[in-house]
Amino acid sequence: MSLEEKVMSLMKEAMKSKDEVTLRSVRAIKAEIIKAKTDPGANGVITEETEMKLLQKLVKSRKDSLLIYEQQNRPDLATKEAEEINVIEKFLPAQMSEADVKAAVEAIITAVGAAGPQDLGKVMGLATKQLAGQADGKVISAIAKSLLTA
């Protein structure tokens, strides 16, 4: 079952149960899917990798908004963003723990033969590909920097 089919199914359920939070969230996902399908070169088809990137982008933008709303003391808007994040994250694979990410980055550092901070680009390139969808880029970057400077 593709992401679009899952979203449509959940959208129907949300409409029937009058679940505004879920409905708002899946409509945002559906809009992004349609936008991705109509992009030049997509030919009306999107890959699973593109779907994951799309979902990660949606979560990231909502987390950024959530942070801003919390800083500006807007709990009403922050709550909406947090609710949407929870719904969208259900479509993403489970996130790796920080310890698992650290172990994976250590293995990548060993495989690449990275010796110091100057090799961060090599490590990050491989790490972001291997851990795509399973860990946040900021977490990967922070762990890689700390391991390479130690």
N, C-alpha and C. Protein backbone atom coordinates (compact mmCIF):
# COMPACT_ATOMS: atom_id res chain seq x y z
N MET A 1 0.84 -1.18 0.00
CA MET A 1 0.00 0.00 0.00
C MET A 1 0.89 1.24 0.00
N SER A 2 0.68 2.09 -0.98
CA SER A 2 1.50 3.29 -1.09
C SER A 2 1.10 4.32 -0.04
N LEU A 3 1.95 5.31 0.11
CA LEU A 3 1.68 6.38 1.07
C LEU A 3 0.37 7.07 0.72
N GLU A 4 0.16 7.32 -0.56
CA GLU A 4 -1.05 8.02 -0.98
C GLU A 4 -2.31 7.23 -0.61
N GLU A 5 -2.26 5.92 -0.78
CA GLU A 5 -3.40 5.08 -0.43
C GLU A 5 -3.64 5.09 1.08
N LYS A 6 -2.56 5.03 1.86
CA LYS A 6 -2.68 5.09 3.32
C LYS A 6 -3.29 6.41 3.76
N VAL A 7 -2.83 7.49 3.14
CA VAL A 7 -3.32 8.82 3.48
C VAL A 7 -4.80 8.94 3.14
N MET A 8 -5.18 8.45 1.97
CA MET A 8 -6.60 8.54 1.57
C MET A 8 -7.48 7.72 2.52
N SER A 9 -7.00 6.55 2.90
CA SER A 9 -7.75 5.71 3.82
C SER A 9 -7.93 6.41 5.17
N LEU A 10 -6.85 6.96 5.68
CA LEU A 10 -6.91 7.66 6.96
C LEU A 10 -7.77 8.92 6.86
N MET A 11 -7.74 9.58 5.70
CA MET A 11 -8.55 10.78 5.50
C MET A 11 -10.04 10.43 5.57
N LYS A 12 -10.42 9.33 4.95
CA LYS A 12 -11.82 8.89 4.99
C LYS A 12 -12.26 8.60 6.42
N GLU A 13 -11.40 7.89 7.15
CA GLU A 13 -11.71 7.58 8.55
C GLU A 13 -11.85 8.85 9.38
N ALA A 14 -10.94 9.81 9.15
CA ALA A 14 -10.96 11.06 9.90
C ALA A 14 -12.22 11.87 9.58
N MET A 15 -12.64 11.83 8.34
CA MET A 15 -13.87 12.55 7.97
C MET A 15 -15.09 11.92 8.65
N LYS A 16 -15.12 10.60 8.65
CA LYS A 16 -16.26 9.90 9.27
C LYS A 16 -16.31 10.15 10.77
N SER A 17 -15.15 10.14 11.41
CA SER A 17 -15.11 10.32 12.87
C SER A 17 -15.01 11.79 13.29
N LYS A 18 -14.96 12.68 12.29
CA LYS A 18 -14.86 14.11 12.53
C LYS A 18 -13.63 14.47 13.37
N ASP A 19 -12.52 13.80 13.07
CA ASP A 19 -11.24 14.04 13.75
C ASP A 19 -10.49 15.15 13.00
N GLU A 20 -10.64 16.37 13.48
CA GLU A 20 -10.07 17.54 12.80
C GLU A 20 -8.54 17.51 12.73
N VAL A 21 -7.90 17.06 13.79
CA VAL A 21 -6.44 17.04 13.84
C VAL A 21 -5.89 16.11 12.75
N THR A 22 -6.40 14.89 12.72
CA THR A 22 -5.93 13.92 11.73
C THR A 22 -6.26 14.40 10.32
N LEU A 23 -7.45 14.91 10.15
CA LEU A 23 -7.88 15.38 8.83
C LEU A 23 -6.98 16.51 8.34
N ARG A 24 -6.68 17.46 9.20
CA ARG A 24 -5.81 18.59 8.83
C ARG A 24 -4.42 18.09 8.45
N SER A 25 -3.92 17.11 9.20
CA SER A 25 -2.58 16.58 8.97
C SER A 25 -2.49 15.79 7.67
N VAL A 26 -3.47 14.91 7.43
CA VAL A 26 -3.40 14.10 6.21
C VAL A 26 -3.69 14.93 4.97
N ARG A 27 -4.46 15.99 5.12
CA ARG A 27 -4.66 16.89 3.98
C ARG A 27 -3.35 17.56 3.59
N ALA A 28 -2.55 17.91 4.59
CA ALA A 28 -1.24 18.52 4.31
C ALA A 28 -0.33 17.52 3.59
N ILE A 29 -0.37 16.26 4.03
CA ILE A 29 0.43 15.23 3.37
C ILE A 29 -0.05 15.04 1.93
N LYS A 30 -1.34 14.95 1.74
CA LYS A 30 -1.92 14.75 0.42
C LYS A 30 -1.53 15.90 -0.52
N ALA A 31 -1.57 17.12 -0.02
CA ALA A 31 -1.19 18.28 -0.83
C ALA A 31 0.27 18.17 -1.28
N GLU A 32 1.13 17.74 -0.38
CA GLU A 32 2.55 17.59 -0.73
C GLU A 32 2.76 16.47 -1.75
N ILE A 33 1.99 15.39 -1.62
CA ILE A 33 2.09 14.28 -2.57
C ILE A 33 1.69 14.77 -3.96
N ILE A 34 0.59 15.49 -4.03
CA ILE A 34 0.12 16.01 -5.32
C ILE A 34 1.15 16.96 -5.92
N LYS A 35 1.72 17.81 -5.07
CA LYS A 35 2.75 18.75 -5.54
C LYS A 35 3.96 17.99 -6.07
N ALA A 36 4.37 16.94 -5.36
CA ALA A 36 5.53 16.15 -5.79
C ALA A 36 5.25 15.43 -7.11
N LYS A 37 4.02 14.94 -7.27
CA LYS A 37 3.66 14.23 -8.50
C LYS A 37 3.63 15.15 -9.71
N THR A 38 3.33 16.42 -9.48
CA THR A 38 3.22 17.35 -10.61
C THR A 38 4.53 18.10 -10.87
N ASP A 39 5.55 17.82 -10.08
CA ASP A 39 6.85 18.45 -10.32
C ASP A 39 7.37 18.00 -11.69
N PRO A 40 8.12 18.88 -12.36
CA PRO A 40 8.69 18.49 -13.65
C PRO A 40 9.61 17.26 -13.48
N GLY A 41 9.44 16.31 -14.34
CA GLY A 41 10.28 15.11 -14.29
C GLY A 41 9.71 13.99 -13.45
N ALA A 42 8.67 14.26 -12.67
CA ALA A 42 8.10 13.22 -11.81
C ALA A 42 7.20 12.28 -12.60
N ASN A 43 6.63 12.75 -13.70
CA ASN A 43 5.74 11.95 -14.55
C ASN A 43 4.58 11.34 -13.78
N GLY A 44 4.11 12.02 -12.76
CA GLY A 44 2.96 11.55 -12.00
C GLY A 44 3.25 10.41 -11.05
N VAL A 45 4.53 10.07 -10.87
CA VAL A 45 4.90 8.96 -9.99
C VAL A 45 5.98 9.45 -9.02
N ILE A 46 5.83 9.07 -7.75
CA ILE A 46 6.88 9.40 -6.79
C ILE A 46 7.38 8.11 -6.14
N THR A 47 8.66 8.09 -5.84
CA THR A 47 9.26 6.90 -5.25
C THR A 47 9.06 6.89 -3.74
N GLU A 48 9.34 5.75 -3.16
CA GLU A 48 9.22 5.62 -1.70
C GLU A 48 10.21 6.55 -1.01
N GLU A 49 11.38 6.70 -1.60
CA GLU A 49 12.41 7.59 -1.04
C GLU A 49 11.91 9.04 -1.05
N THR A 50 11.26 9.43 -2.14
CA THR A 50 10.70 10.78 -2.24
C THR A 50 9.59 10.98 -1.21
N GLU A 51 8.79 9.94 -0.99
CA GLU A 51 7.73 10.01 0.01
C GLU A 51 8.32 10.25 1.40
N MET A 52 9.39 9.53 1.72
CA MET A 52 10.02 9.69 3.05
C MET A 52 10.58 11.10 3.20
N LYS A 53 11.23 11.61 2.16
CA LYS A 53 11.78 12.97 2.22
C LYS A 53 10.67 13.99 2.40
N LEU A 54 9.57 13.75 1.72
CA LEU A 54 8.41 14.62 1.80
C LEU A 54 7.87 14.67 3.23
N LEU A 55 7.73 13.50 3.84
CA LEU A 55 7.23 13.43 5.22
C LEU A 55 8.20 14.07 6.19
N GLN A 56 9.49 13.82 5.98
CA GLN A 56 10.49 14.43 6.86
C GLN A 56 10.46 15.95 6.76
N LYS A 57 10.26 16.45 5.54
CA LYS A 57 10.17 17.89 5.33
C LYS A 57 8.97 18.47 6.07
N LEU A 58 7.85 17.78 6.01
CA LEU A 58 6.65 18.24 6.70
C LEU A 58 6.87 18.28 8.21
N VAL A 59 7.48 17.23 8.74
CA VAL A 59 7.74 17.18 10.19
C VAL A 59 8.72 18.28 10.59
N LYS A 60 9.78 18.44 9.80
CA LYS A 60 10.79 19.45 10.12
C LYS A 60 10.19 20.85 10.12
N SER A 61 9.38 21.16 9.12
CA SER A 61 8.79 22.50 9.07
C SER A 61 7.86 22.73 10.26
N ARG A 62 7.15 21.69 10.67
CA ARG A 62 6.26 21.84 11.82
C ARG A 62 7.04 21.96 13.12
N LYS A 63 8.16 21.24 13.22
CA LYS A 63 8.99 21.37 14.43
C LYS A 63 9.58 22.77 14.52
N ASP A 64 10.00 23.31 13.38
CA ASP A 64 10.53 24.68 13.37
C ASP A 64 9.45 25.67 13.80
N SER A 65 8.24 25.49 13.27
CA SER A 65 7.12 26.37 13.64
C SER A 65 6.79 26.22 15.11
N LEU A 66 6.81 24.98 15.59
CA LEU A 66 6.51 24.71 16.99
C LEU A 66 7.49 25.47 17.90
N LEU A 67 8.75 25.42 17.55
CA LEU A 67 9.78 26.12 18.33
C LEU A 67 9.52 27.62 18.36
N ILE A 68 9.19 28.17 17.21
CA ILE A 68 8.91 29.61 17.12
C ILE A 68 7.69 29.98 17.95
N TYR A 69 6.62 29.18 17.83
CA TYR A 69 5.40 29.46 18.59
C TYR A 69 5.64 29.37 20.09
N GLU A 70 6.47 28.42 20.51
CA GLU A 70 6.78 28.31 21.93
C GLU A 70 7.59 29.51 22.41
N GLN A 71 8.52 29.97 21.58
CA GLN A 71 9.33 31.13 21.95
C GLN A 71 8.48 32.39 22.04
N GLN A 72 7.44 32.47 21.20
CA GLN A 72 6.58 33.65 21.17
C GLN A 72 5.39 33.51 22.11
N ASN A 73 5.39 32.46 22.91
CA ASN A 73 4.34 32.22 23.89
C ASN A 73 2.96 32.14 23.24
N ARG A 74 2.86 31.29 22.21
CA ARG A 74 1.59 31.06 21.51
C ARG A 74 1.20 29.59 21.65
N PRO A 75 0.73 29.18 22.84
CA PRO A 75 0.42 27.77 23.08
C PRO A 75 -0.69 27.22 22.18
N ASP A 76 -1.60 28.08 21.74
CA ASP A 76 -2.68 27.63 20.86
C ASP A 76 -2.13 27.12 19.53
N LEU A 77 -1.21 27.88 18.94
CA LEU A 77 -0.61 27.48 17.66
C LEU A 77 0.40 26.35 17.86
N ALA A 78 1.12 26.38 18.96
CA ALA A 78 2.11 25.34 19.25
C ALA A 78 1.42 23.98 19.39
N THR A 79 0.26 23.97 20.01
CA THR A 79 -0.49 22.73 20.20
C THR A 79 -0.89 22.13 18.86
N LYS A 80 -1.36 22.99 17.95
CA LYS A 80 -1.75 22.52 16.61
C LYS A 80 -0.56 21.87 15.90
N GLU A 81 0.58 22.52 15.97
CA GLU A 81 1.77 21.99 15.30
C GLU A 81 2.18 20.65 15.91
N ALA A 82 2.15 20.56 17.23
CA ALA A 82 2.54 19.31 17.90
C ALA A 82 1.58 18.18 17.53
N GLU A 83 0.30 18.48 17.43
CA GLU A 83 -0.68 17.47 17.04
C GLU A 83 -0.42 16.96 15.62
N GLU A 84 -0.11 17.88 14.71
CA GLU A 84 0.16 17.50 13.33
C GLU A 84 1.45 16.68 13.23
N ILE A 85 2.45 17.04 14.01
CA ILE A 85 3.70 16.27 14.03
C ILE A 85 3.41 14.83 14.42
N ASN A 86 2.61 14.63 15.46
CA ASN A 86 2.29 13.28 15.92
C ASN A 86 1.60 12.45 14.84
N VAL A 87 0.70 13.05 14.09
CA VAL A 87 0.00 12.32 13.03
C VAL A 87 0.95 12.00 11.88
N ILE A 88 1.73 12.98 11.44
CA ILE A 88 2.63 12.78 10.30
C ILE A 88 3.70 11.75 10.62
N GLU A 89 4.21 11.75 11.86
CA GLU A 89 5.27 10.82 12.24
C GLU A 89 4.81 9.36 12.21
N LYS A 90 3.49 9.13 12.24
CA LYS A 90 2.98 7.76 12.15
C LYS A 90 3.32 7.11 10.80
N PHE A 91 3.53 7.93 9.78
CA PHE A 91 3.85 7.43 8.45
C PHE A 91 5.35 7.20 8.25
N LEU A 92 6.17 7.73 9.15
CA LEU A 92 7.63 7.59 9.05
C LEU A 92 8.09 6.33 9.77
N PRO A 93 9.21 5.74 9.33
CA PRO A 93 9.74 4.60 10.08
C PRO A 93 10.18 5.05 11.47
N ALA A 94 10.25 4.09 12.38
CA ALA A 94 10.66 4.41 13.76
C ALA A 94 12.05 5.06 13.75
N GLN A 95 12.20 6.09 14.56
CA GLN A 95 13.46 6.80 14.64
C GLN A 95 14.45 6.02 15.52
N MET A 96 15.71 6.06 15.12
CA MET A 96 16.76 5.37 15.86
C MET A 96 17.05 6.14 17.15
N SER A 97 17.47 5.40 18.18
CA SER A 97 17.87 6.06 19.42
C SER A 97 19.22 6.72 19.19
N GLU A 98 19.58 7.62 20.09
CA GLU A 98 20.85 8.33 19.95
C GLU A 98 22.03 7.36 20.03
N ALA A 99 21.90 6.34 20.86
CA ALA A 99 22.97 5.34 21.00
C ALA A 99 23.14 4.56 19.69
N ASP A 100 22.02 4.21 19.04
CA ASP A 100 22.09 3.49 17.77
C ASP A 100 22.71 4.36 16.68
N VAL A 101 22.35 5.64 16.67
CA VAL A 101 22.91 6.56 15.69
C VAL A 101 24.41 6.68 15.91
N LYS A 102 24.81 6.78 17.18
CA LYS A 102 26.24 6.91 17.50
C LYS A 102 27.00 5.68 17.02
N ALA A 103 26.44 4.49 17.24
CA ALA A 103 27.09 3.25 16.80
C ALA A 103 27.20 3.22 15.28
N ALA A 104 26.15 3.65 14.59
CA ALA A 104 26.16 3.65 13.12
C ALA A 104 27.18 4.65 12.58
N VAL A 105 27.25 5.82 13.20
CA VAL A 105 28.21 6.84 12.76
C VAL A 105 29.65 6.38 13.04
N GLU A 106 29.87 5.72 14.17
CA GLU A 106 31.20 5.18 14.47
C GLU A 106 31.62 4.16 13.41
N ALA A 107 30.69 3.31 13.00
CA ALA A 107 30.98 2.31 11.97
C ALA A 107 31.31 3.00 10.64
N ILE A 108 30.59 4.06 10.33
CA ILE A 108 30.83 4.81 9.08
C ILE A 108 32.19 5.49 9.13
N ILE A 109 32.54 6.06 10.28
CA ILE A 109 33.85 6.71 10.44
C ILE A 109 34.96 5.69 10.21
N THR A 110 34.80 4.49 10.77
CA THR A 110 35.80 3.44 10.59
C THR A 110 35.87 3.01 9.12
N ALA A 111 34.72 2.84 8.48
CA ALA A 111 34.68 2.40 7.09
C ALA A 111 35.31 3.42 6.15
N VAL A 112 35.06 4.70 6.42
CA VAL A 112 35.58 5.77 5.56
C VAL A 112 37.04 6.05 5.87
N GLY A 113 37.46 5.74 7.09
CA GLY A 113 38.82 6.01 7.51
C GLY A 113 39.00 7.47 7.90
N ALA A 114 37.95 8.08 8.42
CA ALA A 114 37.99 9.49 8.81
C ALA A 114 38.90 9.66 10.03
N ALA A 115 39.73 10.72 9.97
CA ALA A 115 40.69 10.95 11.04
C ALA A 115 40.39 12.18 11.88
N GLY A 116 39.65 13.12 11.33
CA GLY A 116 39.40 14.33 12.09
C GLY A 116 38.26 15.14 11.50
N PRO A 117 38.09 16.35 12.00
CA PRO A 117 36.99 17.21 11.56
C PRO A 117 37.00 17.51 10.05
N GLN A 118 38.17 17.44 9.43
CA GLN A 118 38.27 17.71 8.00
C GLN A 118 37.54 16.64 7.17
N ASP A 119 37.26 15.48 7.76
CA ASP A 119 36.58 14.39 7.05
C ASP A 119 35.08 14.36 7.33
N LEU A 120 34.56 15.42 7.94
CA LEU A 120 33.14 15.46 8.29
C LEU A 120 32.25 15.31 7.07
N GLY A 121 32.63 15.91 5.96
CA GLY A 121 31.84 15.83 4.73
C GLY A 121 31.67 14.41 4.24
N LYS A 122 32.76 13.64 4.26
CA LYS A 122 32.71 12.24 3.83
C LYS A 122 31.76 11.44 4.72
N VAL A 123 31.90 11.63 6.01
CA VAL A 123 31.09 10.89 6.98
C VAL A 123 29.62 11.27 6.85
N MET A 124 29.33 12.55 6.77
CA MET A 124 27.94 13.01 6.68
C MET A 124 27.28 12.55 5.39
N GLY A 125 28.02 12.56 4.30
CA GLY A 125 27.45 12.10 3.03
C GLY A 125 26.96 10.68 3.12
N LEU A 126 27.79 9.81 3.67
CA LEU A 126 27.43 8.40 3.80
C LEU A 126 26.38 8.19 4.89
N ALA A 127 26.54 8.90 5.99
CA ALA A 127 25.61 8.73 7.12
C ALA A 127 24.19 9.16 6.77
N THR A 128 24.06 10.27 6.06
CA THR A 128 22.71 10.73 5.72
C THR A 128 22.03 9.78 4.74
N LYS A 129 22.81 9.13 3.88
CA LYS A 129 22.22 8.15 2.96
C LYS A 129 21.80 6.89 3.72
N GLN A 130 22.67 6.39 4.57
CA GLN A 130 22.39 5.14 5.29
C GLN A 130 21.29 5.29 6.33
N LEU A 131 21.22 6.44 6.97
CA LEU A 131 20.27 6.63 8.06
C LEU A 131 19.06 7.46 7.65
N ALA A 132 18.86 7.63 6.36
CA ALA A 132 17.74 8.43 5.85
C ALA A 132 16.41 7.91 6.39
N GLY A 133 15.64 8.80 6.95
CA GLY A 133 14.33 8.44 7.47
C GLY A 133 14.35 7.83 8.86
N GLN A 134 15.53 7.44 9.32
CA GLN A 134 15.64 6.78 10.62
C GLN A 134 16.19 7.69 11.70
N ALA A 135 16.84 8.78 11.28
CA ALA A 135 17.42 9.70 12.25
C ALA A 135 17.42 11.11 11.66
N ASP A 136 17.31 12.09 12.52
CA ASP A 136 17.31 13.48 12.11
C ASP A 136 18.72 13.91 11.72
N GLY A 137 18.82 14.71 10.68
CA GLY A 137 20.12 15.16 10.20
C GLY A 137 20.91 15.94 11.23
N LYS A 138 20.22 16.72 12.05
CA LYS A 138 20.89 17.50 13.10
C LYS A 138 21.54 16.57 14.13
N VAL A 139 20.85 15.50 14.47
CA VAL A 139 21.38 14.54 15.44
C VAL A 139 22.61 13.84 14.86
N ILE A 140 22.51 13.42 13.60
CA ILE A 140 23.63 12.76 12.93
C ILE A 140 24.83 13.69 12.90
N SER A 141 24.61 14.94 12.51
CA SER A 141 25.68 15.93 12.41
C SER A 141 26.35 16.16 13.76
N ALA A 142 25.55 16.33 14.81
CA ALA A 142 26.10 16.59 16.14
C ALA A 142 26.95 15.42 16.61
N ILE A 143 26.48 14.21 16.40
CA ILE A 143 27.22 13.02 16.82
C ILE A 143 28.51 12.88 16.00
N ALA A 144 28.41 13.09 14.70
CA ALA A 144 29.61 12.97 13.83
C ALA A 144 30.66 14.00 14.24
N LYS A 145 30.23 15.24 14.48
CA LYS A 145 31.18 16.28 14.90
C LYS A 145 31.85 15.92 16.22
N SER A 146 31.07 15.44 17.19
CA SER A 146 31.65 15.12 18.48
C SER A 146 32.62 13.95 18.38
N LEU A 147 32.30 12.96 17.54
CA LEU A 147 33.20 11.81 17.40
C LEU A 147 34.48 12.18 16.64
N LEU A 148 34.37 13.07 15.67
CA LEU A 148 35.54 13.43 14.87
C LEU A 148 36.45 14.41 15.59
N THR A 149 35.93 15.19 16.53
CA THR A 149 36.77 16.14 17.25
C THR A 149 37.36 15.51 18.52
N ALA A 150 36.86 14.34 18.92
CA ALA A 150 37.34 13.70 20.14
C ALA A 150 38.67 13.05 19.92
